[in-house]
Protein backbone atom coordinates (compact mmCIF):
# COMPACT_ATOMS: atom_id res chain seq x y z
CA MET A 1 1.18 -30.15 -13.92
CA PHE A 2 3.93 -30.09 -11.31
CA SER A 3 3.27 -29.06 -7.75
CA LEU A 4 5.65 -26.77 -5.87
CA GLU A 5 6.96 -29.82 -4.02
CA ASP A 6 7.72 -31.61 -7.30
CA LEU A 7 9.45 -28.50 -8.62
CA ALA A 8 11.55 -28.20 -5.45
CA GLU A 9 12.59 -31.85 -5.72
CA ARG A 10 13.57 -31.44 -9.37
CA LEU A 11 15.57 -28.31 -8.63
CA GLU A 12 17.34 -30.02 -5.72
CA ASP A 13 18.11 -33.06 -7.86
CA GLY A 14 19.48 -30.87 -10.65
CA TYR A 15 21.58 -28.86 -8.22
CA THR A 16 22.89 -32.06 -6.61
CA ARG A 17 23.92 -33.54 -9.96
CA LEU A 18 25.57 -30.29 -11.06
CA PHE A 19 27.46 -30.00 -7.76
CA THR A 20 28.72 -33.58 -7.92
CA ARG A 21 29.88 -33.19 -11.51
CA LEU A 22 31.76 -30.00 -10.69
CA THR A 23 33.45 -31.72 -7.73
CA GLY A 24 34.34 -34.84 -9.72
CA THR A 25 31.91 -37.13 -7.89
CA PRO A 26 29.06 -37.71 -10.39
CA ILE A 27 26.14 -39.67 -8.96
CA GLU A 28 25.61 -43.20 -10.20
CA GLU A 29 22.44 -44.03 -8.29
CA ARG A 30 20.40 -43.36 -5.19
CA GLY A 31 20.03 -45.95 -2.48
CA LEU A 32 19.31 -46.68 1.16
CA VAL A 33 21.83 -47.37 3.92
CA GLU A 34 20.67 -49.13 7.08
CA LEU A 35 22.20 -47.97 10.34
CA SER A 36 22.85 -50.17 13.37
CA ASN A 37 19.62 -48.96 15.01
CA GLY A 38 17.59 -50.13 12.03
CA GLU A 39 17.04 -46.65 10.62
CA GLU A 40 17.36 -46.31 6.86
CA ILE A 41 18.62 -43.12 5.23
CA GLU A 42 18.69 -42.20 1.57
CA VAL A 43 22.08 -41.48 0.03
CA CYS A 44 23.56 -40.92 -3.41
CA TRP A 45 26.39 -43.18 -4.54
CA PHE A 46 29.44 -42.33 -6.62
CA SER A 47 32.50 -44.46 -7.36
CA ASP A 48 36.04 -43.15 -7.05
CA ASP A 49 39.28 -44.96 -6.24
CA SER A 50 40.59 -41.89 -4.40
CA ALA A 51 40.47 -41.34 -0.64
CA LYS A 52 37.17 -39.44 -0.90
CA LEU A 53 34.63 -40.90 1.53
CA GLY A 54 31.52 -38.78 1.36
CA GLN A 55 30.05 -35.35 1.74
CA ASN A 56 26.92 -33.48 2.65
CA ILE A 57 26.01 -31.24 -0.27
CA PRO A 58 25.54 -27.64 0.93
CA PHE A 59 21.93 -26.38 0.77
CA ALA A 60 20.61 -29.78 -0.32
CA ASP A 61 19.17 -32.57 1.79
CA THR A 62 21.63 -34.98 0.22
CA ILE A 63 24.57 -37.08 1.38
CA ILE A 64 26.88 -38.54 -1.26
CA LEU A 65 29.04 -41.58 -0.48
CA ASN A 66 31.91 -43.30 -2.28
CA ARG A 67 30.84 -46.88 -2.96
CA GLU A 68 34.40 -48.11 -3.53
CA GLN A 69 35.53 -46.88 -0.12
CA PHE A 70 32.41 -48.08 1.68
CA ASP A 71 32.81 -51.60 0.33
CA ARG A 72 36.18 -51.79 2.12
CA LEU A 73 35.11 -50.35 5.47
CA PRO A 74 33.48 -52.04 8.50
CA SER A 75 30.05 -50.92 9.68
CA GLU A 76 31.36 -48.75 12.53
CA ALA A 77 33.41 -46.72 10.03
CA THR A 78 30.60 -46.26 7.53
CA GLU A 79 28.14 -45.28 10.25
CA THR A 80 30.60 -42.79 11.72
CA ILE A 81 30.96 -41.14 8.32
CA ILE A 82 27.21 -41.02 7.78
CA GLN A 83 26.48 -39.57 11.22
CA HIS A 84 29.21 -36.96 10.70
CA GLU A 85 27.63 -35.88 7.41
CA ARG A 86 24.13 -35.96 8.91
CA SER A 87 25.29 -33.48 11.52
CA HIS A 88 26.28 -31.05 8.77
CA GLN A 89 22.96 -31.72 7.07
CA GLN A 90 20.90 -30.93 10.16
CA ARG A 91 22.38 -27.46 10.59
CA ASP A 92 19.92 -24.61 9.97
CA SER A 93 20.20 -23.50 6.33
CA LEU A 94 20.68 -19.83 7.26
CA ILE A 95 23.45 -20.67 9.72
CA ARG A 96 25.02 -23.05 7.23
CA GLY A 97 24.88 -20.42 4.49
CA ALA A 98 26.45 -17.74 6.67
CA TRP A 99 29.14 -20.18 7.83
CA LEU A 100 29.96 -21.27 4.28
CA GLY A 101 30.13 -17.69 3.04
CA LEU A 102 32.45 -16.64 5.85
CA VAL A 103 34.73 -19.65 5.42
CA LEU A 104 35.03 -19.37 1.64
CA SER A 105 35.48 -15.60 1.63
CA GLY A 106 37.88 -15.77 4.57
CA PHE A 107 40.12 -18.35 2.93
CA SER A 108 40.02 -16.78 -0.53
CA VAL A 109 40.58 -13.15 0.50
CA GLY A 110 42.98 -14.11 3.28
CA LEU A 111 45.21 -16.28 1.10
CA VAL A 112 45.20 -13.73 -1.74
CA SER A 113 46.22 -11.03 0.75
CA LEU A 114 49.06 -13.22 2.03
CA PHE A 115 50.18 -13.87 -1.54
CA TYR A 116 50.31 -10.16 -2.34
CA ALA A 117 52.08 -9.46 0.94
CA GLY A 118 54.75 -11.99 0.00
CA LEU A 119 54.97 -10.59 -3.53
CA GLY A 120 55.27 -7.06 -2.18
CA ALA A 121 58.04 -8.09 0.19
CA ALA A 122 59.91 -9.78 -2.65
CA LEU A 123 59.62 -6.68 -4.84
CA GLY A 124 60.71 -4.33 -2.07
CA ALA A 125 57.36 -2.67 -1.38
CA GLN A 126 56.89 -0.35 1.57
CA THR A 127 57.25 -2.32 4.81
CA SER A 128 54.10 -0.91 6.41
CA ALA A 129 51.96 -1.89 3.41
CA VAL A 130 53.39 -5.40 3.36
CA THR A 131 52.87 -5.79 7.11
CA GLU A 132 49.29 -4.56 6.90
CA ALA A 133 48.45 -6.93 4.04
CA ALA A 134 50.11 -9.86 5.83
CA TYR A 135 48.27 -9.14 9.08
CA PHE A 136 44.93 -8.77 7.27
CA GLY A 137 45.45 -11.98 5.30
CA ALA A 138 46.61 -13.99 8.29
CA THR A 139 43.66 -12.81 10.39
CA LEU A 140 41.06 -13.72 7.75
CA THR A 141 42.68 -17.09 7.09
CA PHE A 142 42.82 -17.90 10.80
CA VAL A 143 39.15 -16.94 11.32
CA ALA A 144 38.08 -19.08 8.35
CA TRP A 145 40.16 -21.99 9.64
CA GLY A 146 38.64 -21.64 13.11
CA LEU A 147 35.08 -21.58 11.77
CA ASN A 148 35.72 -24.65 9.64
CA ARG A 149 37.43 -26.50 12.49
CA ALA A 150 34.53 -25.69 14.81
CA GLU A 151 31.96 -27.04 12.35
CA GLU A 152 33.90 -30.27 11.82
CA THR A 153 34.34 -30.67 15.58
CA VAL A 154 30.59 -30.36 16.17
CA ALA A 155 29.95 -32.92 13.43
CA ASP A 156 32.38 -35.35 15.07
CA LEU A 157 30.79 -34.77 18.49
CA ASP A 158 27.37 -35.53 17.04
CA ALA A 159 28.80 -38.65 15.40
CA ILE A 160 30.42 -40.00 18.59
CA HIS A 161 27.17 -39.34 20.45
CA ALA A 162 25.19 -41.24 17.82
CA VAL A 163 27.41 -44.30 17.33
CA GLY A 164 29.07 -44.59 20.75
CA GLU A 165 32.65 -43.97 21.81
CA ASP A 166 34.11 -47.40 21.05
CA ARG A 167 32.52 -47.65 17.60
CA PHE A 168 33.60 -44.08 16.83
CA ILE A 169 37.25 -44.77 17.70
CA ARG A 170 37.28 -48.10 15.83
CA GLY A 171 35.57 -46.45 12.89
CA TYR A 172 38.22 -43.77 12.57
CA GLU A 173 40.99 -46.33 12.99
CA ALA A 174 39.52 -48.32 10.10
CA ILE A 175 39.21 -45.19 7.97
CA LYS A 176 42.83 -44.28 8.66
CA SER A 177 44.08 -47.79 7.88
CA THR A 178 42.39 -47.85 4.47
CA SER A 179 43.12 -44.24 3.53
CA ASP A 180 45.83 -43.65 0.96
CA GLY A 181 45.65 -39.90 0.54
CA GLY A 182 49.37 -39.24 0.86
CA VAL A 183 51.31 -36.71 2.91
CA ILE A 184 49.30 -33.67 1.82
CA ALA A 185 45.98 -35.29 2.74
CA SER A 186 47.43 -36.27 6.11
CA ILE A 187 48.55 -32.69 6.81
CA LEU A 188 45.19 -31.26 5.76
CA GLY A 189 43.43 -33.79 7.96
CA ARG A 190 45.41 -32.67 10.99
CA LEU A 191 44.72 -29.02 10.18
CA PHE A 192 40.98 -29.26 9.68
CA TYR A 193 39.89 -32.14 11.93
CA ASN A 194 40.35 -33.15 15.56
CA SER A 195 41.88 -36.51 16.28
CA PRO A 196 39.35 -39.15 17.43
CA GLU A 197 41.00 -39.17 20.86
CA ALA A 198 40.66 -35.38 21.18
CA THR A 199 37.01 -35.63 20.16
CA LYS A 200 36.42 -38.32 22.79
CA LYS A 201 38.05 -36.19 25.50
CA LEU A 202 36.00 -33.13 24.52
CA TYR A 203 32.87 -35.27 24.45
CA HIS A 204 33.52 -36.41 28.03
CA ASN A 205 34.05 -32.82 29.19
CA LEU A 206 30.83 -31.65 27.54
CA ARG A 207 28.87 -34.49 29.12
CA LYS A 208 30.12 -33.35 32.54
CA LEU A 209 28.61 -29.95 31.72
CA GLY A 210 25.26 -31.53 30.91
CA ILE A 211 25.67 -31.49 27.12
CA TYR A 212 25.14 -34.67 25.05
CA THR A 213 23.42 -36.42 27.94
CA ASP A 214 20.23 -37.59 26.20
């Protein structure tokens, strides 16, 4: 007979496998990755020749990593990725759930509103209605973008604090040099993530305020 803990583990494993299949990153196996401080963390491996590196699965205590990419990257790059994803993982589940709901709904409703505003303008709809829809859509999209950018910034700050400034910068340089995501991926990266240099500068400013000093 299964205990509640066994049931929870089975449900989490099933959810993880379903999520990875739906996102095109089916799990091949579980394994351990040793960090520079000797700590070992459990991860799930998938193989993909795309630019995908890894992800923390929402609402699951699971990090998935792309074995093909990790085999090409130096240790400072792989550890930077892992620490970034661990930061997402360590967020309180209620906060994470609220954040995810706001981001997804903001982007979906906002972009749909912008689409209909553009369609209305093309079809000659009333100017006030088009303006209202465009303003509503732009506001929701901007809020969703800001929430997502803030979460990714915190994850990068936690990563630079964990691995050190020099390793963080070298890690991102290595990731950039091996990435082949094309122009669209480059644009999305600039939209949703800080540059390593900007993260380092923000990290210094926060340390002056007594944050990230331990």
